[in-house]
């Protein structure tokens, strides 16, 4: 029997927060394979859009920052400049140096969110040909683990 509403709910949740989407599968009465494939499809759809559009999003953010700066100058105000080397930025650079393309591509979309993790990965490693396939492999692997844990934990409480 088709569960179109349940599939779409999982699909759209997976597009943004992939880590928690499989939890809805057993609650919706879906089989393991249905949950895994629908969640993976949603995450892959979102990843494809945000990976290949990441340069557009980064340029747009940069233009917005320049516009705000110019508007402040036009008003005669002193523009507020953000610090370039904040604690968070230092942690991100250290993480990038330690785990490299493999760690960022495999885990950033999972732990942050699919759009944010994908854009960050594309920003750091978008020019490397292996980056997008690594993200896809990471989502497939992480999705399998999370869906398995969800169904295993659900079977313990039945």
Foldseek 3Di string as FASTA:
>chain_A
DDDPVLLVVLLQCLLWALLPSLLVQVVVVHDLVSSLVSSLNSLLVNLVVLLVCLVVVVVVVVVVVVVQCVVCVVVVHHDDDDDPDDPVNVVVVVVCVVPPLLVLLLPQCNVPNSNVSSSVSCVVPVVDPCNSVSNSVSSSVSSNVSSVVSVVVVVVVD
